[in-house]
Amino acid sequence: MAKDRFGDVVVGTIGDAAASVADPKEGWARFRSKALSPVLMGVGVALVAGYLFGRRCG
């Protein structure tokens, strides 16, 4: 992501969070559409698997 777009992303994220307080259904729909992309889902699964593996072996 380009540095000049970082501010736009932050403001958009804050706006989505504020909108989810006002309308939780719409906020959850926006979260699902952005957060459940295949890349982010794969990273999330890898983090959880790594954590569980570390707890078991450590």
PDB file of N, CA and C in Angstrom:
ATOM      1  N   MET A   1       0.848  -1.167   0.000  1.00  0.00           N
ATOM      2  CA  MET A   1       0.000   0.000   0.000  1.00  0.00           C
ATOM      3  C   MET A   1       0.897   1.235   0.000  1.00  0.00           C
ATOM      4  N   ALA A   2       0.558   2.196  -0.786  1.00  0.00           N
ATOM      5  CA  ALA A   2       1.317   3.435  -0.859  1.00  0.00           C
ATOM      6  C   ALA A   2       1.110   4.254   0.403  1.00  0.00           C
ATOM      7  N   LYS A   3       2.138   5.002   0.772  1.00  0.00           N
ATOM      8  CA  LYS A   3       2.065   5.801   2.002  1.00  0.00           C
ATOM      9  C   LYS A   3       1.005   6.891   1.909  1.00  0.00           C
ATOM     10  N   ASP A   4       0.765   7.402   0.727  1.00  0.00           N
ATOM     11  CA  ASP A   4      -0.226   8.474   0.602  1.00  0.00           C
ATOM     12  C   ASP A   4      -1.653   7.963   0.758  1.00  0.00           C
ATOM     13  N   ARG A   5      -1.875   6.672   0.623  1.00  0.00           N
ATOM     14  CA  ARG A   5      -3.212   6.083   0.806  1.00  0.00           C
ATOM     15  C   ARG A   5      -3.451   5.636   2.249  1.00  0.00           C
ATOM     16  N   PHE A   6      -2.429   5.621   3.077  1.00  0.00           N
ATOM     17  CA  PHE A   6      -2.561   5.127   4.441  1.00  0.00           C
ATOM     18  C   PHE A   6      -3.601   5.923   5.225  1.00  0.00           C
ATOM     19  N   GLY A   7      -3.600   7.228   5.086  1.00  0.00           N
ATOM     20  CA  GLY A   7      -4.576   8.067   5.777  1.00  0.00           C
ATOM     21  C   GLY A   7      -5.997   7.752   5.358  1.00  0.00           C
ATOM     22  N   ASP A   8      -6.182   7.499   4.072  1.00  0.00           N
ATOM     23  CA  ASP A   8      -7.520   7.150   3.575  1.00  0.00           C
ATOM     24  C   ASP A   8      -7.999   5.829   4.173  1.00  0.00           C
ATOM     25  N   VAL A   9      -7.103   4.878   4.278  1.00  0.00           N
ATOM     26  CA  VAL A   9      -7.468   3.577   4.840  1.00  0.00           C
ATOM     27  C   VAL A   9      -7.828   3.708   6.314  1.00  0.00           C
ATOM     28  N   VAL A  10      -7.036   4.492   7.050  1.00  0.00           N
ATOM     29  CA  VAL A  10      -7.299   4.677   8.481  1.00  0.00           C
ATOM     30  C   VAL A  10      -8.652   5.358   8.687  1.00  0.00           C
ATOM     31  N   VAL A  11      -8.899   6.406   7.939  1.00  0.00           N
ATOM     32  CA  VAL A  11     -10.175   7.125   8.073  1.00  0.00           C
ATOM     33  C   VAL A  11     -11.347   6.225   7.688  1.00  0.00           C
ATOM     34  N   GLY A  12     -11.185   5.433   6.644  1.00  0.00           N
ATOM     35  CA  GLY A  12     -12.242   4.515   6.242  1.00  0.00           C
ATOM     36  C   GLY A  12     -12.526   3.471   7.304  1.00  0.00           C
ATOM     37  N   THR A  13     -11.472   2.961   7.928  1.00  0.00           N
ATOM     38  CA  THR A  13     -11.636   1.964   8.982  1.00  0.00           C
ATOM     39  C   THR A  13     -12.342   2.567  10.196  1.00  0.00           C
ATOM     40  N   ILE A  14     -11.960   3.759  10.575  1.00  0.00           N
ATOM     41  CA  ILE A  14     -12.607   4.431  11.704  1.00  0.00           C
ATOM     42  C   ILE A  14     -14.079   4.699  11.375  1.00  0.00           C
ATOM     43  N   GLY A  15     -14.349   5.105  10.149  1.00  0.00           N
ATOM     44  CA  GLY A  15     -15.733   5.330   9.734  1.00  0.00           C
ATOM     45  C   GLY A  15     -16.558   4.054   9.771  1.00  0.00           C
ATOM     46  N   ASP A  16     -15.961   2.941   9.335  1.00  0.00           N
ATOM     47  CA  ASP A  16     -16.670   1.660   9.389  1.00  0.00           C
ATOM     48  C   ASP A  16     -16.959   1.246  10.827  1.00  0.00           C
ATOM     49  N   ALA A  17     -16.003   1.491  11.720  1.00  0.00           N
ATOM     50  CA  ALA A  17     -16.207   1.149  13.132  1.00  0.00           C
ATOM     51  C   ALA A  17     -17.334   1.998  13.724  1.00  0.00           C
ATOM     52  N   ALA A  18     -17.358   3.277  13.404  1.00  0.00           N
ATOM     53  CA  ALA A  18     -18.420   4.151  13.910  1.00  0.00           C
ATOM     54  C   ALA A  18     -19.780   3.747  13.343  1.00  0.00           C
ATOM     55  N   ALA A  19     -19.804   3.365  12.083  1.00  0.00           N
ATOM     56  CA  ALA A  19     -21.066   2.944  11.474  1.00  0.00           C
ATOM     57  C   ALA A  19     -21.570   1.639  12.079  1.00  0.00           C
ATOM     58  N   SER A  20     -20.650   0.777  12.494  1.00  0.00           N
ATOM     59  CA  SER A  20     -21.080  -0.497  13.088  1.00  0.00           C
ATOM     60  C   SER A  20     -21.722  -0.284  14.451  1.00  0.00           C
ATOM     61  N   VAL A  21     -21.381   0.802  15.126  1.00  0.00           N
ATOM     62  CA  VAL A  21     -22.025   1.114  16.397  1.00  0.00           C
ATOM     63  C   VAL A  21     -23.469   1.568  16.134  1.00  0.00           C
ATOM     64  N   ALA A  22     -23.646   2.348  15.089  1.00  0.00           N
ATOM     65  CA  ALA A  22     -24.973   2.864  14.780  1.00  0.00           C
ATOM     66  C   ALA A  22     -25.877   1.783  14.192  1.00  0.00           C
ATOM     67  N   ASP A  23     -25.320   0.929  13.345  1.00  0.00           N
ATOM     68  CA  ASP A  23     -26.110  -0.125  12.704  1.00  0.00           C
ATOM     69  C   ASP A  23     -25.284  -1.412  12.700  1.00  0.00           C
ATOM     70  N   PRO A  24     -25.403  -2.227  13.753  1.00  0.00           N
ATOM     71  CA  PRO A  24     -24.560  -3.420  13.879  1.00  0.00           C
ATOM     72  C   PRO A  24     -24.682  -4.408  12.719  1.00  0.00           C
ATOM     73  N   LYS A  25     -25.856  -4.558  12.147  1.00  0.00           N
ATOM     74  CA  LYS A  25     -26.034  -5.485  11.025  1.00  0.00           C
ATOM     75  C   LYS A  25     -25.194  -5.063   9.823  1.00  0.00           C
ATOM     76  N   GLU A  26     -25.298  -3.799   9.478  1.00  0.00           N
ATOM     77  CA  GLU A  26     -24.530  -3.276   8.344  1.00  0.00           C
ATOM     78  C   GLU A  26     -23.028  -3.295   8.651  1.00  0.00           C
ATOM     79  N   GLY A  27     -22.667  -2.987   9.872  1.00  0.00           N
ATOM     80  CA  GLY A  27     -21.261  -3.012  10.258  1.00  0.00           C
ATOM     81  C   GLY A  27     -20.673  -4.404  10.141  1.00  0.00           C
ATOM     82  N   TRP A  28     -21.409  -5.417  10.561  1.00  0.00           N
ATOM     83  CA  TRP A  28     -20.931  -6.800  10.453  1.00  0.00           C
ATOM     84  C   TRP A  28     -20.800  -7.200   8.988  1.00  0.00           C
ATOM     85  N   ALA A  29     -21.732  -6.758   8.157  1.00  0.00           N
ATOM     86  CA  ALA A  29     -21.656  -7.077   6.725  1.00  0.00           C
ATOM     87  C   ALA A  29     -20.413  -6.458   6.097  1.00  0.00           C
ATOM     88  N   ARG A  30     -20.104  -5.228   6.456  1.00  0.00           N
ATOM     89  CA  ARG A  30     -18.893  -4.574   5.927  1.00  0.00           C
ATOM     90  C   ARG A  30     -17.641  -5.278   6.416  1.00  0.00           C
ATOM     91  N   PHE A  31     -17.631  -5.657   7.696  1.00  0.00           N
ATOM     92  CA  PHE A  31     -16.473  -6.352   8.251  1.00  0.00           C
ATOM     93  C   PHE A  31     -16.244  -7.673   7.522  1.00  0.00           C
ATOM     94  N   ARG A  32     -17.307  -8.430   7.316  1.00  0.00           N
ATOM     95  CA  ARG A  32     -17.188  -9.715   6.623  1.00  0.00           C
ATOM     96  C   ARG A  32     -16.677  -9.535   5.207  1.00  0.00           C
ATOM     97  N   SER A  33     -17.165  -8.516   4.522  1.00  0.00           N
ATOM     98  CA  SER A  33     -16.757  -8.328   3.131  1.00  0.00           C
ATOM     99  C   SER A  33     -15.285  -7.954   3.023  1.00  0.00           C
ATOM    100  N   LYS A  34     -14.758  -7.235   4.001  1.00  0.00           N
ATOM    101  CA  LYS A  34     -13.354  -6.827   3.949  1.00  0.00           C
ATOM    102  C   LYS A  34     -12.436  -7.842   4.609  1.00  0.00           C
ATOM    103  N   ALA A  35     -12.833  -8.369   5.739  1.00  0.00           N
ATOM    104  CA  ALA A  35     -11.925  -9.191   6.526  1.00  0.00           C
ATOM    105  C   ALA A  35     -11.889 -10.646   6.092  1.00  0.00           C
ATOM    106  N   LEU A  36     -12.856 -11.109   5.373  1.00  0.00           N
ATOM    107  CA  LEU A  36     -12.888 -12.517   5.027  1.00  0.00           C
ATOM    108  C   LEU A  36     -12.323 -12.799   3.640  1.00  0.00           C
ATOM    109  N   SER A  37     -11.410 -11.947   3.208  1.00  0.00           N
ATOM    110  CA  SER A  37     -10.741 -12.243   1.951  1.00  0.00           C
ATOM    111  C   SER A  37      -9.846 -13.458   2.162  1.00  0.00           C
ATOM    112  N   PRO A  38      -9.547 -14.193   1.131  1.00  0.00           N
ATOM    113  CA  PRO A  38      -8.772 -15.426   1.282  1.00  0.00           C
ATOM    114  C   PRO A  38      -7.397 -15.214   1.930  1.00  0.00           C
ATOM    115  N   VAL A  39      -6.740 -14.120   1.625  1.00  0.00           N
ATOM    116  CA  VAL A  39      -5.410 -13.876   2.195  1.00  0.00           C
ATOM    117  C   VAL A  39      -5.510 -13.648   3.697  1.00  0.00           C
ATOM    118  N   LEU A  40      -6.428 -12.785   4.109  1.00  0.00           N
ATOM    119  CA  LEU A  40      -6.566 -12.503   5.534  1.00  0.00           C
ATOM    120  C   LEU A  40      -7.048 -13.730   6.291  1.00  0.00           C
ATOM    121  N   MET A  41      -7.921 -14.499   5.681  1.00  0.00           N
ATOM    122  CA  MET A  41      -8.400 -15.718   6.325  1.00  0.00           C
ATOM    123  C   MET A  41      -7.252 -16.701   6.509  1.00  0.00           C
ATOM    124  N   GLY A  42      -6.399 -16.826   5.523  1.00  0.00           N
ATOM    125  CA  GLY A  42      -5.246 -17.717   5.623  1.00  0.00           C
ATOM    126  C   GLY A  42      -4.275 -17.277   6.701  1.00  0.00           C
ATOM    127  N   VAL A  43      -4.043 -15.989   6.804  1.00  0.00           N
ATOM    128  CA  VAL A  43      -3.149 -15.469   7.851  1.00  0.00           C
ATOM    129  C   VAL A  43      -3.755 -15.719   9.221  1.00  0.00           C
ATOM    130  N   GLY A  44      -5.041 -15.505   9.360  1.00  0.00           N
ATOM    131  CA  GLY A  44      -5.698 -15.739  10.643  1.00  0.00           C
ATOM    132  C   GLY A  44      -5.629 -17.196  11.067  1.00  0.00           C
ATOM    133  N   VAL A  45      -5.867 -18.091  10.136  1.00  0.00           N
ATOM    134  CA  VAL A  45      -5.790 -19.523  10.443  1.00  0.00           C
ATOM    135  C   VAL A  45      -4.362 -19.910  10.824  1.00  0.00           C
ATOM    136  N   ALA A  46      -3.383 -19.375  10.105  1.00  0.00           N
ATOM    137  CA  ALA A  46      -1.985 -19.674  10.419  1.00  0.00           C
ATOM    138  C   ALA A  46      -1.603 -19.162  11.809  1.00  0.00           C
ATOM    139  N   LEU A  47      -2.075 -17.982  12.181  1.00  0.00           N
ATOM    140  CA  LEU A  47      -1.775 -17.441  13.513  1.00  0.00           C
ATOM    141  C   LEU A  47      -2.392 -18.298  14.618  1.00  0.00           C
ATOM    142  N   VAL A  48      -3.630 -18.694  14.428  1.00  0.00           N
ATOM    143  CA  VAL A  48      -4.292 -19.529  15.431  1.00  0.00           C
ATOM    144  C   VAL A  48      -3.599 -20.887  15.535  1.00  0.00           C
ATOM    145  N   ALA A  49      -3.262 -21.487  14.401  1.00  0.00           N
ATOM    146  CA  ALA A  49      -2.583 -22.782  14.417  1.00  0.00           C
ATOM    147  C   ALA A  49      -1.212 -22.670  15.090  1.00  0.00           C
ATOM    148  N   GLY A  50      -0.480 -21.616  14.798  1.00  0.00           N
ATOM    149  CA  GLY A  50       0.818 -21.403  15.433  1.00  0.00           C
ATOM    150  C   GLY A  50       0.701 -21.214  16.935  1.00  0.00           C
ATOM    151  N   TYR A  51      -0.302 -20.476  17.345  1.00  0.00           N
ATOM    152  CA  TYR A  51      -0.515 -20.267  18.779  1.00  0.00           C
ATOM    153  C   TYR A  51      -0.841 -21.579  19.478  1.00  0.00           C
ATOM    154  N   LEU A  52      -1.759 -22.348  18.896  1.00  0.00           N
ATOM    155  CA  LEU A  52      -2.136 -23.623  19.509  1.00  0.00           C
ATOM    156  C   LEU A  52      -0.954 -24.604  19.533  1.00  0.00           C
ATOM    157  N   PHE A  53      -0.163 -24.631  18.477  1.00  0.00           N
ATOM    158  CA  PHE A  53       1.014 -25.489  18.429  1.00  0.00           C
ATOM    159  C   PHE A  53       2.024 -25.068  19.494  1.00  0.00           C
ATOM    160  N   GLY A  54       2.215 -23.768  19.652  1.00  0.00           N
ATOM    161  CA  GLY A  54       3.141 -23.263  20.667  1.00  0.00           C
ATOM    162  C   GLY A  54       2.695 -23.584  22.075  1.00  0.00           C
ATOM    163  N   ARG A  55       1.406 -23.514  22.327  1.00  0.00           N
ATOM    164  CA  ARG A  55       0.892 -23.844  23.664  1.00  0.00           C
ATOM    165  C   ARG A  55       1.067 -25.327  23.962  1.00  0.00           C
ATOM    166  N   ARG A  56       0.880 -26.145  22.965  1.00  0.00           N
ATOM    167  CA  ARG A  56       0.983 -27.591  23.170  1.00  0.00           C
ATOM    168  C   ARG A  56       2.433 -28.034  23.375  1.00  0.00           C
ATOM    169  N   CYS A  57       3.344 -27.462  22.628  1.00  0.00           N
ATOM    170  CA  CYS A  57       4.747 -27.876  22.697  1.00  0.00           C
ATOM    171  C   CYS A  57       5.535 -27.121  23.744  1.00  0.00           C
ATOM    172  N   GLY A  58       5.018 -26.039  24.228  1.00  0.00           N
ATOM    173  CA  GLY A  58       5.793 -25.205  25.145  1.00  0.00           C
ATOM    174  C   GLY A  58       5.514 -25.389  26.556  1.00  0.00           C
TER     175      GLY A  58
END
